[in-house]
Structure formats: C-alpha cells, structure tokens
Amino acid sequence: MEFRTSAKSVHGLGSAREGAAHWWAQRMTALALVPLSVWFAVSVCRLAGAGYGAFTEWLASPFNAVAMLLFTIAGFHHAALGLQVVLEDYIAHEGRRVACIVAVKGACWALAAACAFATVKIALGG
C-alpha cells in the first residue's frame, strides 16, 4: 500500500504561495474598518438632517477628510478581496473566473478612485 502521491499527478496543483498574503490583507482591512466604520456611522448620525453646506464644512476638516479616504480605500480593498474569494470558490471555469475577478477588481479600483477624487475635491473646496 503506497501512501505517497506521484509527483506527476500533483504537479502544478500546489500552493501558489499567495494565500497567506491574501488572508492577512483581508484581516488587516477588516481590522482597520472596525474603528473607521464606527467613526463613519457616528458621523452620519450627527449629520442627519444637515444640509450640503454642513456636510462640506464637516468634510473640510483634515481629520474627517483623511478618515474618509482611509475608510474608502480600506472598504473597497476589503470588498475586492472578499469578492475574489467568493468568485474563486464558485466559478469553476478558469477563464470566466479570471475575467470576473479582473472585472470586480477593476470596478473596485474605479469606484475607490471616484470616491477619493470626490472626497479630495470637496475637502479642498472645489
């Protein structure tokens, strides 16, 4: 009875050595999002009913502008990492899987860039 697998049957199926970095990045973005989400929720509650002028004045504060940028970057990066895992788990065809992952990452990058641009523009009074 042979318990060892021949190298030819498992060649190319081993670790890509990227799983730990992906896992770590997902946990770090989740950790960063905890205080940022609390800050964002409290801020939204405080701004409830306020007008556009009050919001732009609030976002013009350096602390709030930087926190909003960090929240945006961490949120979209965390979303891209999580959606990648879901796509890898549920799409069997490799070509479709790669296309979906590229599309999701591209959308996350584009949305993050748009949010960051809007935040900077409002914060600087543009």
Protein backbone atom coordinates (compact mmCIF):
# COMPACT_ATOMS: atom_id res chain seq x y z
CA MET A 1 0.00 0.00 0.00
CA GLU A 2 1.58 3.24 -1.18
CA PHE A 3 0.57 6.43 0.62
CA ARG A 4 2.76 8.80 -1.35
CA THR A 5 1.37 10.54 -4.40
CA SER A 6 3.43 10.55 -7.53
CA ALA A 7 4.80 13.98 -8.38
CA LYS A 8 3.32 13.90 -11.88
CA SER A 9 -0.26 13.79 -10.61
CA VAL A 10 0.08 16.78 -8.29
CA HIS A 11 2.50 18.93 -10.27
CA GLY A 12 1.06 22.42 -10.66
CA LEU A 13 -1.68 21.88 -8.08
CA GLY A 14 0.26 23.02 -5.05
CA SER A 15 0.26 26.30 -3.23
CA ALA A 16 0.62 29.48 -5.24
CA ARG A 17 2.20 30.96 -2.10
CA GLU A 18 -0.25 33.87 -2.20
CA GLY A 19 -2.94 32.57 0.13
CA ALA A 20 -1.33 33.78 3.33
CA ALA A 21 -0.83 37.31 2.00
CA HIS A 22 -4.42 37.44 0.76
CA TRP A 23 -5.73 36.16 4.09
CA TRP A 24 -3.58 38.62 6.01
CA ALA A 25 -4.65 41.59 3.87
CA GLN A 26 -8.30 40.66 4.33
CA ARG A 27 -7.90 40.51 8.11
CA MET A 28 -5.96 43.78 8.28
CA THR A 29 -8.53 45.65 6.21
CA ALA A 30 -11.29 44.21 8.40
CA LEU A 31 -9.42 45.38 11.50
CA ALA A 32 -8.96 48.86 10.02
CA LEU A 33 -12.64 49.02 9.10
CA VAL A 34 -13.84 48.48 12.67
CA PRO A 35 -12.92 51.93 14.05
CA LEU A 36 -13.46 53.58 10.67
CA SER A 37 -16.99 52.16 10.43
CA VAL A 38 -17.81 53.35 13.93
CA TRP A 39 -16.48 56.82 13.06
CA PHE A 40 -18.49 56.84 9.82
CA ALA A 41 -21.74 55.69 11.49
CA VAL A 42 -21.44 58.27 14.28
CA SER A 43 -20.65 60.99 11.73
CA VAL A 44 -23.62 60.10 9.55
CA CYS A 45 -25.92 60.16 12.60
CA ARG A 46 -24.59 63.58 13.60
CA LEU A 47 -25.05 64.92 10.08
CA ALA A 48 -28.59 63.55 9.70
CA GLY A 49 -30.84 66.36 8.52
CA ALA A 50 -27.94 68.71 7.85
CA GLY A 51 -27.61 70.42 4.51
CA TYR A 52 -24.91 70.23 1.88
CA GLY A 53 -23.07 73.19 3.41
CA ALA A 54 -22.79 71.48 6.79
CA PHE A 55 -21.52 68.32 5.10
CA THR A 56 -18.87 70.14 3.08
CA GLU A 57 -17.77 72.03 6.19
CA TRP A 58 -17.52 68.73 8.05
CA LEU A 59 -15.52 67.08 5.25
CA ALA A 60 -13.21 70.12 5.02
CA SER A 61 -11.79 69.13 8.40
CA PRO A 62 -8.42 67.41 7.81
CA PHE A 63 -9.24 64.62 10.27
CA ASN A 64 -12.56 63.84 8.60
CA ALA A 65 -11.13 64.03 5.09
CA VAL A 66 -8.26 61.65 5.90
CA ALA A 67 -10.58 59.29 7.78
CA MET A 68 -12.97 59.26 4.81
CA LEU A 69 -10.11 58.46 2.42
CA LEU A 70 -8.92 55.64 4.68
CA PHE A 71 -12.47 54.31 5.00
CA THR A 72 -12.88 54.38 1.22
CA ILE A 73 -9.57 52.67 0.48
CA ALA A 74 -9.91 50.02 3.18
CA GLY A 75 -13.56 49.36 2.30
CA PHE A 76 -13.04 48.85 -1.41
CA HIS A 77 -9.86 46.83 -0.92
CA HIS A 78 -11.64 44.59 1.61
CA ALA A 79 -14.59 44.19 -0.77
CA ALA A 80 -12.32 43.24 -3.67
CA LEU A 81 -10.50 40.65 -1.54
CA GLY A 82 -13.73 39.13 -0.27
CA LEU A 83 -15.40 39.01 -3.67
CA GLN A 84 -12.29 37.40 -5.14
CA VAL A 85 -12.58 34.55 -2.64
CA VAL A 86 -16.26 34.08 -3.48
CA LEU A 87 -15.53 34.03 -7.21
CA GLU A 88 -12.65 31.58 -6.77
CA ASP A 89 -14.91 29.27 -4.76
CA TYR A 90 -17.97 29.30 -7.02
CA ILE A 91 -16.82 29.76 -10.61
CA ALA A 92 -15.35 26.53 -11.92
CA HIS A 93 -14.30 27.61 -15.41
CA GLU A 94 -10.89 29.25 -15.11
CA GLY A 95 -11.34 31.74 -17.94
CA ARG A 96 -14.66 33.02 -16.58
CA ARG A 97 -13.26 33.12 -13.06
CA VAL A 98 -10.26 35.23 -14.08
CA ALA A 99 -12.47 37.55 -16.16
CA CYS A 100 -14.86 38.05 -13.24
CA ILE A 101 -12.02 38.69 -10.80
CA VAL A 102 -10.46 41.25 -13.15
CA ALA A 103 -13.86 42.93 -13.63
CA VAL A 104 -14.56 43.08 -9.88
CA LYS A 105 -11.09 44.41 -9.07
CA GLY A 106 -11.36 46.98 -11.85
CA ALA A 107 -14.76 48.12 -10.61
CA CYS A 108 -13.47 48.38 -7.04
CA TRP A 109 -10.45 50.40 -8.17
CA ALA A 110 -12.63 52.70 -10.30
CA LEU A 111 -15.17 53.27 -7.53
CA ALA A 112 -12.44 53.85 -4.94
CA ALA A 113 -10.75 56.37 -7.24
CA ALA A 114 -14.05 58.18 -7.85
CA CYS A 115 -14.80 58.32 -4.10
CA ALA A 116 -11.28 59.51 -3.29
CA PHE A 117 -11.47 62.18 -6.01
CA ALA A 118 -14.83 63.41 -4.72
CA THR A 119 -13.57 63.46 -1.14
CA VAL A 120 -10.46 65.45 -2.03
CA LYS A 121 -12.43 67.84 -4.23
CA ILE A 122 -15.00 68.56 -1.52
CA ALA A 123 -12.36 68.74 1.23
CA LEU A 124 -10.33 71.29 -0.70
CA GLY A 125 -13.39 73.37 -1.52
CA GLY A 126 -13.51 72.62 -5.22
